[in-house]
N, C-alpha and C. Protein backbone atom coordinates (compact mmCIF):
# COMPACT_ATOMS: atom_id res chain seq x y z
N UNK A 1 14.67 8.38 1.69
CA UNK A 1 13.88 9.49 2.18
C UNK A 1 12.23 9.17 1.86
N UNK A 2 11.16 9.36 2.68
CA UNK A 2 9.87 9.00 2.39
C UNK A 2 9.00 10.33 1.60
N UNK A 3 8.27 10.08 0.76
CA UNK A 3 7.41 11.22 0.42
C UNK A 3 5.84 10.93 0.91
N UNK A 4 5.28 11.87 1.33
CA UNK A 4 3.77 11.42 1.80
C UNK A 4 2.83 12.19 0.64
N UNK A 5 1.89 11.37 0.01
CA UNK A 5 1.02 11.89 -1.04
C UNK A 5 -0.09 12.00 -0.60
N UNK A 6 -0.75 13.08 -0.50
CA UNK A 6 -2.26 13.28 0.03
C UNK A 6 -2.99 13.90 -1.03
N UNK A 7 -2.52 14.34 -1.93
CA UNK A 7 -3.19 15.17 -3.02
C UNK A 7 -3.98 13.91 -4.07
N UNK A 8 -5.22 14.19 -4.25
CA UNK A 8 -6.60 13.19 -4.79
C UNK A 8 -5.82 12.89 -6.27
N UNK A 9 -5.49 13.98 -7.12
CA UNK A 9 -5.05 13.82 -8.30
C UNK A 9 -3.91 13.11 -8.49
N UNK A 10 -2.98 13.42 -7.51
CA UNK A 10 -1.62 12.82 -7.60
C UNK A 10 -1.79 11.23 -7.29
N UNK A 11 -2.51 11.04 -6.16
CA UNK A 11 -2.85 9.66 -5.83
C UNK A 11 -3.49 8.82 -6.93
N UNK A 12 -4.38 9.33 -7.75
CA UNK A 12 -5.33 8.79 -8.88
C UNK A 12 -3.96 8.56 -9.86
N UNK A 13 -3.35 9.44 -10.18
CA UNK A 13 -2.10 9.31 -11.31
C UNK A 13 -1.04 8.25 -10.90
N UNK A 14 -0.81 8.19 -9.80
CA UNK A 14 0.06 6.58 -9.29
C UNK A 14 -0.77 5.45 -9.34
N UNK A 15 -2.04 5.58 -9.27
CA UNK A 15 -2.70 4.34 -9.28
C UNK A 15 -2.90 3.90 -10.57
N UNK A 16 -3.41 4.86 -11.61
CA UNK A 16 -3.26 4.53 -13.00
C UNK A 16 -2.17 3.99 -13.56
N UNK A 17 -1.00 4.59 -13.23
CA UNK A 17 0.18 4.33 -13.83
C UNK A 17 1.02 3.27 -13.27
N UNK A 18 0.88 3.00 -11.82
CA UNK A 18 1.69 1.93 -11.09
C UNK A 18 0.97 0.70 -10.73
N UNK A 19 -0.14 0.98 -10.35
CA UNK A 19 -0.82 -0.02 -9.71
C UNK A 19 -1.97 -0.77 -10.43
N UNK A 20 -2.77 0.04 -10.90
CA UNK A 20 -4.21 -0.70 -11.40
C UNK A 20 -3.78 -1.78 -12.75
N UNK A 21 -4.31 -2.84 -12.44
CA UNK A 21 -4.09 -3.88 -13.72
C UNK A 21 -2.87 -4.96 -13.85
N UNK A 22 -1.96 -4.63 -12.79
CA UNK A 22 -1.08 -5.01 -12.62
C UNK A 22 -0.98 -6.58 -12.19
N UNK A 23 -0.13 -7.61 -12.55
CA UNK A 23 -0.15 -8.91 -12.14
C UNK A 23 0.36 -8.90 -10.38
N UNK A 24 -0.49 -9.39 -9.52
CA UNK A 24 0.07 -9.33 -8.14
C UNK A 24 0.94 -10.51 -7.71
N UNK A 25 2.10 -10.20 -7.28
CA UNK A 25 3.18 -11.05 -6.75
C UNK A 25 3.17 -11.09 -5.27
N UNK A 26 3.13 -12.10 -4.25
CA UNK A 26 3.25 -12.05 -2.94
C UNK A 26 4.82 -12.57 -2.75
N UNK A 27 5.58 -11.52 -2.06
CA UNK A 27 6.86 -11.93 -1.61
C UNK A 27 6.78 -12.88 -0.39
N UNK A 28 8.20 -13.50 -0.23
CA UNK A 28 8.03 -14.47 1.14
C UNK A 28 8.03 -13.85 2.31
N UNK A 29 8.73 -12.68 2.32
CA UNK A 29 8.83 -11.52 3.48
C UNK A 29 6.91 -11.35 3.64
N UNK A 30 6.34 -10.99 2.49
CA UNK A 30 4.90 -10.79 2.85
C UNK A 30 4.26 -12.02 3.79
N UNK A 31 4.42 -13.16 2.86
CA UNK A 31 3.79 -14.31 3.36
C UNK A 31 4.00 -14.29 4.88
N UNK A 32 5.47 -14.15 5.35
CA UNK A 32 5.67 -14.49 7.01
C UNK A 32 5.12 -13.41 7.58
N UNK A 33 5.24 -12.43 7.39
CA UNK A 33 4.36 -11.03 8.05
C UNK A 33 3.17 -11.06 8.11
N UNK A 34 2.20 -11.75 6.84
CA UNK A 34 0.93 -11.83 6.70
C UNK A 34 0.62 -12.94 7.73
N UNK A 35 1.10 -13.99 7.89
CA UNK A 35 0.83 -15.17 8.59
C UNK A 35 1.00 -14.52 10.19
N UNK A 36 1.81 -14.00 10.72
CA UNK A 36 1.95 -13.44 11.97
C UNK A 36 0.86 -12.43 12.26
N UNK A 37 0.39 -12.06 11.47
CA UNK A 37 -0.76 -10.84 11.50
C UNK A 37 -2.20 -11.40 11.32
N UNK A 38 -2.16 -12.71 10.70
CA UNK A 38 -3.33 -13.18 10.43
C UNK A 38 -4.23 -12.58 9.19
N UNK A 39 -3.60 -11.84 8.35
CA UNK A 39 -3.85 -11.37 7.05
C UNK A 39 -3.86 -12.39 5.95
N UNK A 40 -4.99 -12.66 5.25
CA UNK A 40 -4.98 -13.65 4.08
C UNK A 40 -5.01 -12.80 2.56
N UNK A 41 -4.48 -13.77 1.73
CA UNK A 41 -4.31 -13.04 0.27
C UNK A 41 -5.50 -12.46 -0.23
N UNK A 42 -6.42 -13.00 0.07
CA UNK A 42 -7.93 -12.95 -0.78
C UNK A 42 -8.40 -11.38 -0.21
N UNK A 43 -8.18 -11.13 1.22
CA UNK A 43 -8.33 -10.00 1.88
C UNK A 43 -7.42 -8.93 1.39
N UNK A 44 -6.15 -8.83 0.96
CA UNK A 44 -5.48 -8.05 0.72
C UNK A 44 -5.71 -7.84 -0.75
N UNK A 45 -5.96 -8.63 -1.63
CA UNK A 45 -6.71 -8.69 -3.08
C UNK A 45 -7.75 -7.71 -3.02
N UNK A 46 -8.74 -7.96 -2.25
CA UNK A 46 -9.94 -7.37 -2.31
C UNK A 46 -9.58 -5.85 -1.80
N UNK A 47 -9.10 -5.86 -0.78
CA UNK A 47 -8.81 -4.07 -0.50
C UNK A 47 -7.70 -3.28 -1.51
N UNK A 48 -7.00 -4.04 -1.86
CA UNK A 48 -6.19 -3.48 -3.15
C UNK A 48 -6.94 -2.67 -4.27
N UNK A 49 -7.91 -3.21 -4.56
CA UNK A 49 -8.67 -3.09 -5.75
C UNK A 49 -9.84 -1.92 -5.50
N UNK A 50 -9.42 -1.56 -4.00
CA UNK A 50 -10.77 -0.31 -3.48
C UNK A 50 -9.85 0.69 -3.55
N UNK A 51 -9.85 1.30 -4.66
CA UNK A 51 -9.03 2.49 -5.01
C UNK A 51 -9.62 4.00 -4.31
N UNK A 52 -10.82 3.82 -4.46
CA UNK A 52 -11.75 5.07 -3.84
C UNK A 52 -11.53 5.01 -2.49
N UNK A 53 -10.90 4.26 -1.57
CA UNK A 53 -10.59 4.47 -0.32
C UNK A 53 -9.06 4.71 0.08
N UNK A 54 -8.24 4.96 -0.80
CA UNK A 54 -6.91 5.25 -0.59
C UNK A 54 -6.95 7.01 -0.47
N UNK A 55 -6.20 7.29 0.88
CA UNK A 55 -6.34 8.67 1.26
C UNK A 55 -4.87 9.05 1.23
N UNK A 56 -3.99 8.43 1.15
CA UNK A 56 -2.63 8.78 1.52
C UNK A 56 -1.79 7.40 0.67
N UNK A 57 -0.43 8.12 0.15
CA UNK A 57 0.37 6.95 -0.30
C UNK A 57 2.03 7.72 0.37
N UNK A 58 2.51 6.64 0.52
CA UNK A 58 4.24 7.08 1.01
C UNK A 58 4.60 6.28 -0.07
N UNK A 59 5.47 7.39 -0.80
CA UNK A 59 6.79 6.91 -1.79
C UNK A 59 8.05 6.85 -1.22
N UNK A 60 8.50 5.84 -1.30
CA UNK A 60 10.09 5.83 -1.04
C UNK A 60 11.19 4.90 -1.92
N UNK A 61 12.24 5.12 -1.77
CA UNK A 61 13.11 4.58 -2.53
C UNK A 61 13.50 3.19 -1.73
N UNK A 62 13.53 2.08 -2.14
CA UNK A 62 13.52 0.85 -1.49
C UNK A 62 15.21 0.37 -1.45
N UNK A 63 15.45 -0.64 -0.68
CA UNK A 63 16.86 -1.12 -0.58
C UNK A 63 17.59 -1.23 -1.71
N UNK A 64 17.01 -1.60 -2.77
CA UNK A 64 17.90 -1.48 -3.96
C UNK A 64 17.55 -0.90 -5.04
N UNK A 65 17.21 0.26 -4.84
CA UNK A 65 16.92 1.33 -5.37
C UNK A 65 15.53 1.57 -6.14
N UNK A 66 14.58 0.49 -6.14
CA UNK A 66 13.28 0.44 -6.56
C UNK A 66 12.59 1.71 -5.86
N UNK A 67 11.63 2.02 -6.58
CA UNK A 67 10.41 2.83 -6.10
C UNK A 67 9.23 2.17 -5.26
N UNK A 68 9.21 2.46 -4.03
CA UNK A 68 7.97 1.36 -3.56
C UNK A 68 6.74 2.66 -3.10
N UNK A 69 5.77 2.10 -3.06
CA UNK A 69 4.55 2.87 -2.90
C UNK A 69 3.52 2.38 -1.81
N UNK A 70 3.28 2.66 -0.53
CA UNK A 70 2.56 2.14 0.51
C UNK A 70 1.29 2.92 0.42
N UNK A 71 0.08 2.01 0.19
CA UNK A 71 -1.07 2.57 -0.22
C UNK A 71 -1.88 2.56 1.25
N UNK A 72 -2.45 3.70 1.76
CA UNK A 72 -3.27 3.88 2.95
C UNK A 72 -4.77 3.92 2.61
N UNK A 73 -5.51 2.87 3.01
CA UNK A 73 -6.79 2.70 2.92
C UNK A 73 -7.73 3.48 4.03
N UNK A 74 -8.83 3.74 4.03
CA UNK A 74 -9.86 4.01 5.11
C UNK A 74 -10.95 3.08 4.86
N UNK A 75 -10.70 2.15 5.89
CA UNK A 75 -11.81 1.25 5.64
C UNK A 75 -13.01 1.62 6.62
N UNK A 76 -12.90 1.99 7.65
CA UNK A 76 -13.94 2.43 8.62
C UNK A 76 -13.33 3.45 9.29
N UNK A 77 -14.37 4.18 10.39
CA UNK A 77 -13.99 5.24 11.18
C UNK A 77 -12.57 4.61 12.06
N UNK A 78 -12.25 3.49 12.43
CA UNK A 78 -11.57 3.22 13.25
C UNK A 78 -10.33 2.22 12.50
N UNK A 79 -10.57 1.92 11.39
CA UNK A 79 -9.73 0.93 10.96
C UNK A 79 -9.23 1.39 9.43
N UNK A 80 -7.93 1.36 9.48
CA UNK A 80 -7.14 1.67 8.34
C UNK A 80 -6.29 0.50 7.75
N UNK A 81 -5.80 0.65 6.55
CA UNK A 81 -5.17 -0.64 6.01
C UNK A 81 -4.18 -0.29 5.11
N UNK A 82 -2.99 -0.79 5.32
CA UNK A 82 -1.92 -0.22 4.55
C UNK A 82 -1.38 -1.48 3.59
N UNK A 83 -0.95 -1.46 2.34
CA UNK A 83 -0.23 -2.42 1.52
C UNK A 83 0.61 -1.70 0.96
N UNK A 84 1.87 -2.23 1.19
CA UNK A 84 3.23 -1.93 0.70
C UNK A 84 3.57 -2.53 -0.80
N UNK A 85 3.86 -1.86 -1.52
CA UNK A 85 3.94 -2.33 -2.99
C UNK A 85 5.32 -1.89 -3.82
N UNK A 86 5.60 -2.68 -4.76
CA UNK A 86 7.10 -2.14 -5.27
C UNK A 86 6.65 -2.69 -7.10
N UNK A 87 6.08 -1.58 -7.70
CA UNK A 87 5.76 -1.97 -8.91
C UNK A 87 7.36 -2.11 -10.21
N UNK A 88 6.90 -3.31 -10.70
CA UNK A 88 8.11 -3.61 -11.52
C UNK A 88 7.56 -4.09 -12.88
N UNK A 89 7.76 -3.59 -13.58
CA UNK A 89 7.33 -3.95 -15.36
C UNK A 89 6.06 -4.27 -15.43
N UNK A 90 5.45 -5.56 -15.29
CA UNK A 90 4.10 -5.85 -15.67
C UNK A 90 3.47 -6.43 -14.38
N UNK A 91 4.16 -6.25 -13.29
CA UNK A 91 3.83 -6.98 -12.05
C UNK A 91 3.75 -5.72 -10.86
N UNK A 92 3.02 -6.35 -9.87
CA UNK A 92 2.90 -5.57 -8.77
C UNK A 92 3.24 -6.33 -7.56
N UNK A 93 4.48 -6.13 -6.94
CA UNK A 93 5.16 -7.22 -5.74
C UNK A 93 4.47 -6.69 -4.40
N UNK A 94 3.84 -7.28 -3.47
CA UNK A 94 3.46 -6.87 -2.41
C UNK A 94 4.50 -7.44 -1.42
N UNK A 95 4.77 -6.03 -0.66
CA UNK A 95 5.68 -6.21 0.39
C UNK A 95 5.22 -6.76 1.46
N UNK A 96 4.17 -5.83 2.23
CA UNK A 96 3.69 -6.35 3.31
C UNK A 96 2.30 -5.63 3.33
N UNK A 97 1.47 -6.17 4.28
CA UNK A 97 -0.11 -5.53 4.59
C UNK A 97 -0.40 -5.45 6.07
N UNK A 98 -0.75 -4.45 6.63
CA UNK A 98 -1.00 -3.82 7.92
C UNK A 98 -2.38 -3.30 8.13
N UNK A 99 -3.17 -4.12 8.93
CA UNK A 99 -4.39 -3.44 9.48
C UNK A 99 -4.15 -2.80 10.48
N UNK A 100 -4.70 -1.39 10.78
CA UNK A 100 -4.40 -0.47 11.91
C UNK A 100 -5.61 -0.37 12.53
N UNK A 101 -5.88 -0.34 13.78
CA UNK A 101 -7.06 0.01 14.61
C UNK A 101 -6.64 1.44 15.42
N UNK A 102 -6.00 2.48 14.88
CA UNK A 102 -5.70 3.49 15.24
C UNK A 102 -5.42 4.67 14.35
N UNK A 103 -5.57 5.86 14.54
CA UNK A 103 -5.35 6.90 13.94
C UNK A 103 -3.92 7.33 13.31
N UNK A 104 -3.98 7.15 12.18
CA UNK A 104 -2.45 7.41 11.35
C UNK A 104 -2.08 8.64 10.83
N UNK A 105 -2.85 9.54 11.37
CA UNK A 105 -2.61 11.08 11.19
C UNK A 105 -0.98 11.66 11.46
N UNK A 106 -0.58 11.25 12.68
CA UNK A 106 0.67 11.71 13.17
C UNK A 106 1.91 11.21 12.15
N UNK A 107 1.69 9.89 11.91
CA UNK A 107 2.51 9.03 10.87
C UNK A 107 2.47 10.07 9.60
N UNK A 108 1.59 10.13 8.96
CA UNK A 108 1.44 10.54 7.77
C UNK A 108 1.56 12.24 7.57
N UNK A 109 2.22 12.96 8.91
CA UNK A 109 1.97 14.31 8.65
C UNK A 109 3.57 14.44 8.59
N UNK A 110 4.32 13.34 8.61
CA UNK A 110 6.06 13.74 8.75
C UNK A 110 6.52 14.58 7.43
N UNK A 111 5.57 14.68 6.50
CA UNK A 111 6.13 15.33 5.13
C UNK A 111 5.85 16.99 5.09
């Protein structure tokens, strides 16, 4: 089940406790997906740290029981970016990153 979080205080709490300052690890799945989409690691690292641009987080239980957080960033009027993460101990696993050239309101209103 997926939970969409839009409350700014809750978003800030998740960033502080789960995302900020962790060592970034890119998965093989991410590498394949990013190559197909033309997204490079440096761009993902740069966007990841722009916490002030996060307007929503999708929280869900992943395949092996871990909690995943997909961070949604508003980069401009017509560009959003999402980075799917899985915090584990002292590292932040990057599962995938997607650049959207469309409005995501419909997707993020399912909660």
